[in-house]
Amino acid sequence: MNASLNLVPKKQAALVLDETQGNAGFKRRVNAALASESGSMAIARVIDRRLAGLDRARSFIDWDKARVFRQDLKGLCDSIIKELAPADVRNRNNSNAARQSIFATRACGA
């Protein structure tokens, strides 16, 4: 049995909050997961903000930071695939979110 299942929810939440302080990628994934509770449009807003930030960025990625950047992009794709797409299935009446979900899922190779 997974040991984390035996933790009290308050302890789990404290561990998650501690990890978000030092891990920006994890913090973004937690934000996407929390947004998923509000529906596909909330998740789409979180993802759109991150994509807009990447679009505005003009800096060069040094070789020693490429691994972290790759993990960040993978986390973004995971948020699209694991949070946005399932939320969109639950909320099919919003055709704009459906188009965003389909496009983003294809862009991530899913």
PDB file of N, CA and C in Angstrom:
ATOM      1  N   MET A   1       0.847  -1.185   0.000  1.00  0.00           N
ATOM      2  CA  MET A   1       0.000   0.000   0.000  1.00  0.00           C
ATOM      3  C   MET A   1       0.889   1.244   0.000  1.00  0.00           C
ATOM      4  N   ASN A   2       0.453   2.250  -0.711  1.00  0.00           N
ATOM      5  CA  ASN A   2       1.197   3.489  -0.817  1.00  0.00           C
ATOM      6  C   ASN A   2       1.158   4.234   0.519  1.00  0.00           C
ATOM      7  N   ALA A   3       2.333   4.571   1.042  1.00  0.00           N
ATOM      8  CA  ALA A   3       2.418   5.221   2.355  1.00  0.00           C
ATOM      9  C   ALA A   3       1.739   6.585   2.367  1.00  0.00           C
ATOM     10  N   SER A   4       1.732   7.290   1.229  1.00  0.00           N
ATOM     11  CA  SER A   4       1.132   8.625   1.206  1.00  0.00           C
ATOM     12  C   SER A   4      -0.378   8.581   1.419  1.00  0.00           C
ATOM     13  N   LEU A   5      -0.992   7.432   1.171  1.00  0.00           N
ATOM     14  CA  LEU A   5      -2.435   7.314   1.387  1.00  0.00           C
ATOM     15  C   LEU A   5      -2.782   7.317   2.865  1.00  0.00           C
ATOM     16  N   ASN A   6      -1.816   7.003   3.712  1.00  0.00           N
ATOM     17  CA  ASN A   6      -2.066   6.956   5.150  1.00  0.00           C
ATOM     18  C   ASN A   6      -1.880   8.305   5.825  1.00  0.00           C
ATOM     19  N   LEU A   7      -1.367   9.302   5.104  1.00  0.00           N
ATOM     20  CA  LEU A   7      -1.166  10.621   5.695  1.00  0.00           C
ATOM     21  C   LEU A   7      -2.493  11.347   5.872  1.00  0.00           C
ATOM     22  N   VAL A   8      -2.547  12.122   6.910  1.00  0.00           N
ATOM     23  CA  VAL A   8      -3.714  12.964   7.170  1.00  0.00           C
ATOM     24  C   VAL A   8      -3.745  14.049   6.086  1.00  0.00           C
ATOM     25  N   PRO A   9      -4.940  14.402   5.580  1.00  0.00           N
ATOM     26  CA  PRO A   9      -5.017  15.425   4.530  1.00  0.00           C
ATOM     27  C   PRO A   9      -4.288  16.720   4.871  1.00  0.00           C
ATOM     28  N   LYS A  10      -4.316  17.149   6.126  1.00  0.00           N
ATOM     29  CA  LYS A  10      -3.609  18.376   6.512  1.00  0.00           C
ATOM     30  C   LYS A  10      -2.108  18.213   6.291  1.00  0.00           C
ATOM     31  N   LYS A  11      -1.593  17.041   6.602  1.00  0.00           N
ATOM     32  CA  LYS A  11      -0.161  16.782   6.421  1.00  0.00           C
ATOM     33  C   LYS A  11       0.182  16.749   4.932  1.00  0.00           C
ATOM     34  N   GLN A  12      -0.675  16.130   4.133  1.00  0.00           N
ATOM     35  CA  GLN A  12      -0.454  16.112   2.689  1.00  0.00           C
ATOM     36  C   GLN A  12      -0.447  17.530   2.125  1.00  0.00           C
ATOM     37  N   ALA A  13      -1.405  18.335   2.550  1.00  0.00           N
ATOM     38  CA  ALA A  13      -1.478  19.714   2.075  1.00  0.00           C
ATOM     39  C   ALA A  13      -0.231  20.499   2.481  1.00  0.00           C
ATOM     40  N   ALA A  14       0.250  20.288   3.695  1.00  0.00           N
ATOM     41  CA  ALA A  14       1.459  20.975   4.153  1.00  0.00           C
ATOM     42  C   ALA A  14       2.665  20.566   3.308  1.00  0.00           C
ATOM     43  N   LEU A  15       2.771  19.291   2.979  1.00  0.00           N
ATOM     44  CA  LEU A  15       3.870  18.817   2.145  1.00  0.00           C
ATOM     45  C   LEU A  15       3.804  19.428   0.743  1.00  0.00           C
ATOM     46  N   VAL A  16       2.597  19.487   0.191  1.00  0.00           N
ATOM     47  CA  VAL A  16       2.429  20.083  -1.137  1.00  0.00           C
ATOM     48  C   VAL A  16       2.813  21.558  -1.106  1.00  0.00           C
ATOM     49  N   LEU A  17       2.345  22.285  -0.101  1.00  0.00           N
ATOM     50  CA  LEU A  17       2.679  23.705   0.008  1.00  0.00           C
ATOM     51  C   LEU A  17       4.183  23.920   0.178  1.00  0.00           C
ATOM     52  N   ASP A  18       4.823  23.071   0.965  1.00  0.00           N
ATOM     53  CA  ASP A  18       6.271  23.175   1.126  1.00  0.00           C
ATOM     54  C   ASP A  18       6.984  22.969  -0.202  1.00  0.00           C
ATOM     55  N   GLU A  19       6.556  21.987  -0.964  1.00  0.00           N
ATOM     56  CA  GLU A  19       7.199  21.696  -2.243  1.00  0.00           C
ATOM     57  C   GLU A  19       6.972  22.823  -3.250  1.00  0.00           C
ATOM     58  N   THR A  20       5.816  23.459  -3.215  1.00  0.00           N
ATOM     59  CA  THR A  20       5.555  24.551  -4.163  1.00  0.00           C
ATOM     60  C   THR A  20       6.449  25.761  -3.905  1.00  0.00           C
ATOM     61  N   GLN A  21       6.953  25.899  -2.687  1.00  0.00           N
ATOM     62  CA  GLN A  21       7.828  27.028  -2.370  1.00  0.00           C
ATOM     63  C   GLN A  21       9.150  26.951  -3.120  1.00  0.00           C
ATOM     64  N   GLY A  22       9.651  25.742  -3.349  1.00  0.00           N
ATOM     65  CA  GLY A  22      10.954  25.610  -3.978  1.00  0.00           C
ATOM     66  C   GLY A  22      10.937  25.017  -5.372  1.00  0.00           C
ATOM     67  N   ASN A  23       9.764  24.706  -5.884  1.00  0.00           N
ATOM     68  CA  ASN A  23       9.681  24.025  -7.171  1.00  0.00           C
ATOM     69  C   ASN A  23       8.603  24.708  -8.020  1.00  0.00           C
ATOM     70  N   ALA A  24       9.037  25.603  -8.896  1.00  0.00           N
ATOM     71  CA  ALA A  24       8.094  26.399  -9.687  1.00  0.00           C
ATOM     72  C   ALA A  24       7.249  25.530 -10.617  1.00  0.00           C
ATOM     73  N   GLY A  25       7.850  24.514 -11.211  1.00  0.00           N
ATOM     74  CA  GLY A  25       7.099  23.622 -12.103  1.00  0.00           C
ATOM     75  C   GLY A  25       6.004  22.880 -11.360  1.00  0.00           C
ATOM     76  N   PHE A  26       6.337  22.403 -10.169  1.00  0.00           N
ATOM     77  CA  PHE A  26       5.342  21.710  -9.357  1.00  0.00           C
ATOM     78  C   PHE A  26       4.221  22.666  -8.950  1.00  0.00           C
ATOM     79  N   LYS A  27       4.592  23.906  -8.638  1.00  0.00           N
ATOM     80  CA  LYS A  27       3.589  24.899  -8.258  1.00  0.00           C
ATOM     81  C   LYS A  27       2.605  25.142  -9.402  1.00  0.00           C
ATOM     82  N   ARG A  28       3.127  25.220 -10.632  1.00  0.00           N
ATOM     83  CA  ARG A  28       2.235  25.414 -11.783  1.00  0.00           C
ATOM     84  C   ARG A  28       1.301  24.213 -11.961  1.00  0.00           C
ATOM     85  N   ARG A  29       1.812  23.004 -11.738  1.00  0.00           N
ATOM     86  CA  ARG A  29       0.966  21.816 -11.863  1.00  0.00           C
ATOM     87  C   ARG A  29      -0.108  21.787 -10.781  1.00  0.00           C
ATOM     88  N   VAL A  30       0.241  22.206  -9.572  1.00  0.00           N
ATOM     89  CA  VAL A  30      -0.746  22.276  -8.486  1.00  0.00           C
ATOM     90  C   VAL A  30      -1.811  23.309  -8.828  1.00  0.00           C
ATOM     91  N   ASN A  31      -1.398  24.461  -9.358  1.00  0.00           N
ATOM     92  CA  ASN A  31      -2.368  25.496  -9.741  1.00  0.00           C
ATOM     93  C   ASN A  31      -3.323  24.972 -10.809  1.00  0.00           C
ATOM     94  N   ALA A  32      -2.805  24.228 -11.786  1.00  0.00           N
ATOM     95  CA  ALA A  32      -3.664  23.664 -12.829  1.00  0.00           C
ATOM     96  C   ALA A  32      -4.627  22.637 -12.232  1.00  0.00           C
ATOM     97  N   ALA A  33      -4.127  21.823 -11.317  1.00  0.00           N
ATOM     98  CA  ALA A  33      -4.990  20.824 -10.681  1.00  0.00           C
ATOM     99  C   ALA A  33      -6.089  21.490  -9.860  1.00  0.00           C
ATOM    100  N   LEU A  34      -5.742  22.557  -9.156  1.00  0.00           N
ATOM    101  CA  LEU A  34      -6.757  23.288  -8.386  1.00  0.00           C
ATOM    102  C   LEU A  34      -7.760  23.967  -9.309  1.00  0.00           C
ATOM    103  N   ALA A  35      -7.277  24.493 -10.423  1.00  0.00           N
ATOM    104  CA  ALA A  35      -8.177  25.135 -11.381  1.00  0.00           C
ATOM    105  C   ALA A  35      -9.135  24.127 -12.001  1.00  0.00           C
ATOM    106  N   SER A  36      -8.704  22.869 -12.087  1.00  0.00           N
ATOM    107  CA  SER A  36      -9.571  21.851 -12.691  1.00  0.00           C
ATOM    108  C   SER A  36     -10.870  21.670 -11.916  1.00  0.00           C
ATOM    109  N   GLU A  37     -10.848  22.022 -10.651  1.00  0.00           N
ATOM    110  CA  GLU A  37     -12.064  21.934  -9.842  1.00  0.00           C
ATOM    111  C   GLU A  37     -13.100  22.971 -10.269  1.00  0.00           C
ATOM    112  N   SER A  38     -12.643  24.039 -10.949  1.00  0.00           N
ATOM    113  CA  SER A  38     -13.548  25.100 -11.392  1.00  0.00           C
ATOM    114  C   SER A  38     -14.002  24.927 -12.840  1.00  0.00           C
ATOM    115  N   GLY A  39     -13.483  23.926 -13.523  1.00  0.00           N
ATOM    116  CA  GLY A  39     -13.906  23.668 -14.892  1.00  0.00           C
ATOM    117  C   GLY A  39     -12.839  23.962 -15.920  1.00  0.00           C
ATOM    118  N   SER A  40     -13.170  23.646 -17.156  1.00  0.00           N
ATOM    119  CA  SER A  40     -12.190  23.740 -18.232  1.00  0.00           C
ATOM    120  C   SER A  40     -11.762  25.170 -18.525  1.00  0.00           C
ATOM    121  N   MET A  41     -12.624  26.143 -18.354  1.00  0.00           N
ATOM    122  CA  MET A  41     -12.242  27.528 -18.638  1.00  0.00           C
ATOM    123  C   MET A  41     -11.202  28.025 -17.635  1.00  0.00           C
ATOM    124  N   ALA A  42     -11.306  27.626 -16.387  1.00  0.00           N
ATOM    125  CA  ALA A  42     -10.321  28.027 -15.379  1.00  0.00           C
ATOM    126  C   ALA A  42      -8.962  27.415 -15.695  1.00  0.00           C
ATOM    127  N   ILE A  43      -8.959  26.158 -16.091  1.00  0.00           N
ATOM    128  CA  ILE A  43      -7.699  25.510 -16.463  1.00  0.00           C
ATOM    129  C   ILE A  43      -7.129  26.180 -17.707  1.00  0.00           C
ATOM    130  N   ALA A  44      -7.981  26.470 -18.680  1.00  0.00           N
ATOM    131  CA  ALA A  44      -7.525  27.118 -19.913  1.00  0.00           C
ATOM    132  C   ALA A  44      -6.887  28.465 -19.604  1.00  0.00           C
ATOM    133  N   ARG A  45      -7.432  29.216 -18.644  1.00  0.00           N
ATOM    134  CA  ARG A  45      -6.848  30.509 -18.271  1.00  0.00           C
ATOM    135  C   ARG A  45      -5.449  30.327 -17.683  1.00  0.00           C
ATOM    136  N   VAL A  46      -5.283  29.328 -16.810  1.00  0.00           N
ATOM    137  CA  VAL A  46      -3.975  29.062 -16.208  1.00  0.00           C
ATOM    138  C   VAL A  46      -2.964  28.689 -17.294  1.00  0.00           C
ATOM    139  N   ILE A  47      -3.376  27.826 -18.201  1.00  0.00           N
ATOM    140  CA  ILE A  47      -2.484  27.382 -19.273  1.00  0.00           C
ATOM    141  C   ILE A  47      -2.194  28.529 -20.243  1.00  0.00           C
ATOM    142  N   ASP A  48      -3.214  29.308 -20.578  1.00  0.00           N
ATOM    143  CA  ASP A  48      -3.019  30.461 -21.467  1.00  0.00           C
ATOM    144  C   ASP A  48      -2.022  31.458 -20.881  1.00  0.00           C
ATOM    145  N   ARG A  49      -2.103  31.681 -19.555  1.00  0.00           N
ATOM    146  CA  ARG A  49      -1.154  32.586 -18.909  1.00  0.00           C
ATOM    147  C   ARG A  49       0.276  32.079 -19.056  1.00  0.00           C
ATOM    148  N   ARG A  50       0.461  30.786 -18.880  1.00  0.00           N
ATOM    149  CA  ARG A  50       1.803  30.210 -18.996  1.00  0.00           C
ATOM    150  C   ARG A  50       2.304  30.273 -20.437  1.00  0.00           C
ATOM    151  N   LEU A  51       1.429  29.964 -21.385  1.00  0.00           N
ATOM    152  CA  LEU A  51       1.821  30.035 -22.796  1.00  0.00           C
ATOM    153  C   LEU A  51       2.151  31.464 -23.202  1.00  0.00           C
ATOM    154  N   ALA A  52       1.398  32.439 -22.711  1.00  0.00           N
ATOM    155  CA  ALA A  52       1.675  33.844 -23.013  1.00  0.00           C
ATOM    156  C   ALA A  52       3.028  34.254 -22.430  1.00  0.00           C
ATOM    157  N   GLY A  53       3.335  33.780 -21.236  1.00  0.00           N
ATOM    158  CA  GLY A  53       4.632  34.065 -20.631  1.00  0.00           C
ATOM    159  C   GLY A  53       5.772  33.484 -21.446  1.00  0.00           C
ATOM    160  N   LEU A  54       5.584  32.272 -21.936  1.00  0.00           N
ATOM    161  CA  LEU A  54       6.606  31.656 -22.791  1.00  0.00           C
ATOM    162  C   LEU A  54       6.750  32.422 -24.100  1.00  0.00           C
ATOM    163  N   ASP A  55       5.647  32.909 -24.627  1.00  0.00           N
ATOM    164  CA  ASP A  55       5.677  33.665 -25.877  1.00  0.00           C
ATOM    165  C   ASP A  55       6.422  34.987 -25.712  1.00  0.00           C
ATOM    166  N   ARG A  56       6.247  35.630 -24.553  1.00  0.00           N
ATOM    167  CA  ARG A  56       6.912  36.909 -24.300  1.00  0.00           C
ATOM    168  C   ARG A  56       8.401  36.747 -24.009  1.00  0.00           C
ATOM    169  N   ALA A  57       8.798  35.591 -23.528  1.00  0.00           N
ATOM    170  CA  ALA A  57      10.195  35.368 -23.128  1.00  0.00           C
ATOM    171  C   ALA A  57      11.123  35.474 -24.338  1.00  0.00           C
ATOM    172  N   ARG A  58      12.208  36.177 -24.160  1.00  0.00           N
ATOM    173  CA  ARG A  58      13.170  36.374 -25.245  1.00  0.00           C
ATOM    174  C   ARG A  58      14.580  35.945 -24.849  1.00  0.00           C
ATOM    175  N   SER A  59      14.715  35.333 -23.696  1.00  0.00           N
ATOM    176  CA  SER A  59      16.048  34.971 -23.236  1.00  0.00           C
ATOM    177  C   SER A  59      16.502  33.640 -23.831  1.00  0.00           C
ATOM    178  N   PHE A  60      17.798  33.450 -23.868  1.00  0.00           N
ATOM    179  CA  PHE A  60      18.411  32.225 -24.349  1.00  0.00           C
ATOM    180  C   PHE A  60      18.445  31.228 -23.195  1.00  0.00           C
ATOM    181  N   ILE A  61      18.189  29.980 -23.493  1.00  0.00           N
ATOM    182  CA  ILE A  61      18.213  28.946 -22.460  1.00  0.00           C
ATOM    183  C   ILE A  61      19.581  28.284 -22.486  1.00  0.00           C
ATOM    184  N   ASP A  62      20.352  28.486 -21.432  1.00  0.00           N
ATOM    185  CA  ASP A  62      21.670  27.874 -21.323  1.00  0.00           C
ATOM    186  C   ASP A  62      21.538  26.353 -21.246  1.00  0.00           C
ATOM    187  N   TRP A  63      22.588  25.673 -21.668  1.00  0.00           N
ATOM    188  CA  TRP A  63      22.561  24.218 -21.702  1.00  0.00           C
ATOM    189  C   TRP A  63      22.310  23.627 -20.322  1.00  0.00           C
ATOM    190  N   ASP A  64      22.819  24.280 -19.268  1.00  0.00           N
ATOM    191  CA  ASP A  64      22.645  23.732 -17.922  1.00  0.00           C
ATOM    192  C   ASP A  64      21.231  23.943 -17.376  1.00  0.00           C
ATOM    193  N   LYS A  65      20.434  24.752 -18.061  1.00  0.00           N
ATOM    194  CA  LYS A  65      19.040  24.959 -17.638  1.00  0.00           C
ATOM    195  C   LYS A  65      18.050  24.308 -18.596  1.00  0.00           C
ATOM    196  N   ALA A  66      18.564  23.665 -19.633  1.00  0.00           N
ATOM    197  CA  ALA A  66      17.690  23.043 -20.630  1.00  0.00           C
ATOM    198  C   ALA A  66      16.863  21.916 -20.027  1.00  0.00           C
ATOM    199  N   ARG A  67      17.447  21.136 -19.121  1.00  0.00           N
ATOM    200  CA  ARG A  67      16.723  20.023 -18.505  1.00  0.00           C
ATOM    201  C   ARG A  67      15.517  20.533 -17.708  1.00  0.00           C
ATOM    202  N   VAL A  68      15.725  21.592 -16.942  1.00  0.00           N
ATOM    203  CA  VAL A  68      14.639  22.175 -16.145  1.00  0.00           C
ATOM    204  C   VAL A  68      13.563  22.745 -17.066  1.00  0.00           C
ATOM    205  N   PHE A  69      13.990  23.405 -18.142  1.00  0.00           N
ATOM    206  CA  PHE A  69      13.030  23.963 -19.097  1.00  0.00           C
ATOM    207  C   PHE A  69      12.222  22.853 -19.764  1.00  0.00           C
ATOM    208  N   ARG A  70      12.898  21.758 -20.136  1.00  0.00           N
ATOM    209  CA  ARG A  70      12.212  20.616 -20.740  1.00  0.00           C
ATOM    210  C   ARG A  70      11.178  20.036 -19.770  1.00  0.00           C
ATOM    211  N   GLN A  71      11.549  19.934 -18.495  1.00  0.00           N
ATOM    212  CA  GLN A  71      10.612  19.433 -17.485  1.00  0.00           C
ATOM    213  C   GLN A  71       9.420  20.380 -17.325  1.00  0.00           C
ATOM    214  N   ASP A  72       9.692  21.671 -17.421  1.00  0.00           N
ATOM    215  CA  ASP A  72       8.625  22.667 -17.329  1.00  0.00           C
ATOM    216  C   ASP A  72       7.636  22.505 -18.488  1.00  0.00           C
ATOM    217  N   LEU A  73       8.170  22.339 -19.699  1.00  0.00           N
ATOM    218  CA  LEU A  73       7.302  22.130 -20.865  1.00  0.00           C
ATOM    219  C   LEU A  73       6.526  20.827 -20.753  1.00  0.00           C
ATOM    220  N   LYS A  74       7.178  19.781 -20.238  1.00  0.00           N
ATOM    221  CA  LYS A  74       6.481  18.512 -20.041  1.00  0.00           C
ATOM    222  C   LYS A  74       5.353  18.681 -19.024  1.00  0.00           C
ATOM    223  N   GLY A  75       5.620  19.453 -17.967  1.00  0.00           N
ATOM    224  CA  GLY A  75       4.582  19.723 -16.975  1.00  0.00           C
ATOM    225  C   GLY A  75       3.405  20.477 -17.577  1.00  0.00           C
ATOM    226  N   LEU A  76       3.706  21.417 -18.474  1.00  0.00           N
ATOM    227  CA  LEU A  76       2.648  22.167 -19.159  1.00  0.00           C
ATOM    228  C   LEU A  76       1.813  21.226 -20.024  1.00  0.00           C
ATOM    229  N   CYS A  77       2.486  20.370 -20.775  1.00  0.00           N
ATOM    230  CA  CYS A  77       1.755  19.392 -21.595  1.00  0.00           C
ATOM    231  C   CYS A  77       0.947  18.438 -20.716  1.00  0.00           C
ATOM    232  N   ASP A  78       1.518  18.016 -19.597  1.00  0.00           N
ATOM    233  CA  ASP A  78       0.778  17.145 -18.675  1.00  0.00           C
ATOM    234  C   ASP A  78      -0.468  17.841 -18.150  1.00  0.00           C
ATOM    235  N   SER A  79      -0.356  19.133 -17.856  1.00  0.00           N
ATOM    236  CA  SER A  79      -1.526  19.879 -17.384  1.00  0.00           C
ATOM    237  C   SER A  79      -2.612  19.916 -18.450  1.00  0.00           C
ATOM    238  N   ILE A  80      -2.194  20.084 -19.698  1.00  0.00           N
ATOM    239  CA  ILE A  80      -3.162  20.111 -20.796  1.00  0.00           C
ATOM    240  C   ILE A  80      -3.834  18.755 -20.940  1.00  0.00           C
ATOM    241  N   ILE A  81      -3.029  17.715 -20.936  1.00  0.00           N
ATOM    242  CA  ILE A  81      -3.551  16.368 -21.178  1.00  0.00           C
ATOM    243  C   ILE A  81      -4.316  15.819 -19.978  1.00  0.00           C
ATOM    244  N   LYS A  82      -3.772  16.031 -18.780  1.00  0.00           N
ATOM    245  CA  LYS A  82      -4.359  15.410 -17.583  1.00  0.00           C
ATOM    246  C   LYS A  82      -5.404  16.270 -16.886  1.00  0.00           C
ATOM    247  N   GLU A  83      -5.351  17.583 -17.080  1.00  0.00           N
ATOM    248  CA  GLU A  83      -6.299  18.465 -16.395  1.00  0.00           C
ATOM    249  C   GLU A  83      -7.319  19.086 -17.348  1.00  0.00           C
ATOM    250  N   LEU A  84      -6.847  19.692 -18.439  1.00  0.00           N
ATOM    251  CA  LEU A  84      -7.748  20.399 -19.349  1.00  0.00           C
ATOM    252  C   LEU A  84      -8.628  19.449 -20.151  1.00  0.00           C
ATOM    253  N   ALA A  85      -8.051  18.450 -20.766  1.00  0.00           N
ATOM    254  CA  ALA A  85      -8.833  17.541 -21.610  1.00  0.00           C
ATOM    255  C   ALA A  85      -9.931  16.823 -20.825  1.00  0.00           C
ATOM    256  N   PRO A  86      -9.632  16.223 -19.658  1.00  0.00           N
ATOM    257  CA  PRO A  86     -10.717  15.579 -18.899  1.00  0.00           C
ATOM    258  C   PRO A  86     -11.783  16.560 -18.411  1.00  0.00           C
ATOM    259  N   ALA A  87     -11.362  17.761 -18.018  1.00  0.00           N
ATOM    260  CA  ALA A  87     -12.342  18.756 -17.568  1.00  0.00           C
ATOM    261  C   ALA A  87     -13.238  19.167 -18.723  1.00  0.00           C
ATOM    262  N   ASP A  88     -12.663  19.240 -19.913  1.00  0.00           N
ATOM    263  CA  ASP A  88     -13.442  19.610 -21.083  1.00  0.00           C
ATOM    264  C   ASP A  88     -14.477  18.543 -21.412  1.00  0.00           C
ATOM    265  N   VAL A  89     -14.127  17.298 -21.236  1.00  0.00           N
ATOM    266  CA  VAL A  89     -15.079  16.213 -21.479  1.00  0.00           C
ATOM    267  C   VAL A  89     -16.271  16.352 -20.535  1.00  0.00           C
ATOM    268  N   ARG A  90     -15.987  16.765 -19.289  1.00  0.00           N
ATOM    269  CA  ARG A  90     -17.078  16.956 -18.318  1.00  0.00           C
ATOM    270  C   ARG A  90     -17.917  18.184 -18.650  1.00  0.00           C
ATOM    271  N   ASN A  91     -17.361  19.122 -19.417  1.00  0.00           N
ATOM    272  CA  ASN A  91     -18.028  20.399 -19.668  1.00  0.00           C
ATOM    273  C   ASN A  91     -18.098  20.657 -21.174  1.00  0.00           C
ATOM    274  N   ARG A  92     -18.675  19.756 -21.933  1.00  0.00           N
ATOM    275  CA  ARG A  92     -18.700  19.845 -23.395  1.00  0.00           C
ATOM    276  C   ARG A  92     -19.544  20.988 -23.927  1.00  0.00           C
ATOM    277  N   ASN A  93     -20.352  21.628 -23.108  1.00  0.00           N
ATOM    278  CA  ASN A  93     -21.213  22.685 -23.621  1.00  0.00           C
ATOM    279  C   ASN A  93     -20.440  23.965 -23.950  1.00  0.00           C
ATOM    280  N   ASN A  94     -19.188  24.046 -23.593  1.00  0.00           N
ATOM    281  CA  ASN A  94     -18.378  25.223 -23.900  1.00  0.00           C
ATOM    282  C   ASN A  94     -17.490  24.902 -25.096  1.00  0.00           C
ATOM    283  N   SER A  95     -17.925  25.287 -26.292  1.00  0.00           N
ATOM    284  CA  SER A  95     -17.215  24.895 -27.509  1.00  0.00           C
ATOM    285  C   SER A  95     -15.848  25.556 -27.625  1.00  0.00           C
ATOM    286  N   ASN A  96     -15.661  26.772 -27.080  1.00  0.00           N
ATOM    287  CA  ASN A  96     -14.357  27.430 -27.126  1.00  0.00           C
ATOM    288  C   ASN A  96     -13.332  26.631 -26.326  1.00  0.00           C
ATOM    289  N   ALA A  97     -13.707  26.193 -25.145  1.00  0.00           N
ATOM    290  CA  ALA A  97     -12.797  25.375 -24.332  1.00  0.00           C
ATOM    291  C   ALA A  97     -12.508  24.057 -25.032  1.00  0.00           C
ATOM    292  N   ALA A  98     -13.496  23.516 -25.729  1.00  0.00           N
ATOM    293  CA  ALA A  98     -13.290  22.264 -26.456  1.00  0.00           C
ATOM    294  C   ALA A  98     -12.255  22.448 -27.553  1.00  0.00           C
ATOM    295  N   ARG A  99     -12.346  23.547 -28.294  1.00  0.00           N
ATOM    296  CA  ARG A  99     -11.359  23.807 -29.354  1.00  0.00           C
ATOM    297  C   ARG A  99      -9.963  23.983 -28.767  1.00  0.00           C
ATOM    298  N   GLN A 100      -9.856  24.720 -27.668  1.00  0.00           N
ATOM    299  CA  GLN A 100      -8.556  24.918 -27.024  1.00  0.00           C
ATOM    300  C   GLN A 100      -7.992  23.590 -26.551  1.00  0.00           C
ATOM    301  N   SER A 101      -8.843  22.771 -25.974  1.00  0.00           N
ATOM    302  CA  SER A 101      -8.396  21.490 -25.458  1.00  0.00           C
ATOM    303  C   SER A 101      -7.893  20.582 -26.562  1.00  0.00           C
ATOM    304  N   ILE A 102      -8.613  20.500 -27.645  1.00  0.00           N
ATOM    305  CA  ILE A 102      -8.218  19.648 -28.776  1.00  0.00           C
ATOM    306  C   ILE A 102      -6.919  20.134 -29.376  1.00  0.00           C
ATOM    307  N   PHE A 103      -6.807  21.444 -29.598  1.00  0.00           N
ATOM    308  CA  PHE A 103      -5.582  22.004 -30.182  1.00  0.00           C
ATOM    309  C   PHE A 103      -4.381  21.765 -29.272  1.00  0.00           C
ATOM    310  N   ALA A 104      -4.534  22.059 -28.011  1.00  0.00           N
ATOM    311  CA  ALA A 104      -3.417  21.931 -27.075  1.00  0.00           C
ATOM    312  C   ALA A 104      -3.016  20.474 -26.892  1.00  0.00           C
ATOM    313  N   THR A 105      -3.966  19.573 -26.855  1.00  0.00           N
ATOM    314  CA  THR A 105      -3.646  18.157 -26.700  1.00  0.00           C
ATOM    315  C   THR A 105      -2.869  17.659 -27.906  1.00  0.00           C
ATOM    316  N   ARG A 106      -3.248  18.082 -29.097  1.00  0.00           N
ATOM    317  CA  ARG A 106      -2.507  17.697 -30.299  1.00  0.00           C
ATOM    318  C   ARG A 106      -1.100  18.294 -30.288  1.00  0.00           C
ATOM    319  N   ALA A 107      -0.977  19.523 -29.824  1.00  0.00           N
ATOM    320  CA  ALA A 107       0.336  20.186 -29.776  1.00  0.00           C
ATOM    321  C   ALA A 107       1.296  19.462 -28.847  1.00  0.00           C
ATOM    322  N   CYS A 108       0.778  18.816 -27.819  1.00  0.00           N
ATOM    323  CA  CYS A 108       1.621  18.093 -26.866  1.00  0.00           C
ATOM    324  C   CYS A 108       1.878  16.657 -27.317  1.00  0.00           C
ATOM    325  N   GLY A 109       1.340  16.281 -28.441  1.00  0.00           N
ATOM    326  CA  GLY A 109       1.614  14.948 -28.970  1.00  0.00           C
ATOM    327  C   GLY A 109       0.741  13.849 -28.407  1.00  0.00           C
ATOM    328  N   ALA A 110      -0.377  14.209 -27.826  1.00  0.00           N
ATOM    329  CA  ALA A 110      -1.260  13.174 -27.271  1.00  0.00           C
ATOM    330  C   ALA A 110      -2.338  12.803 -28.262  1.00  0.00           C
TER     331      ALA A 110
END
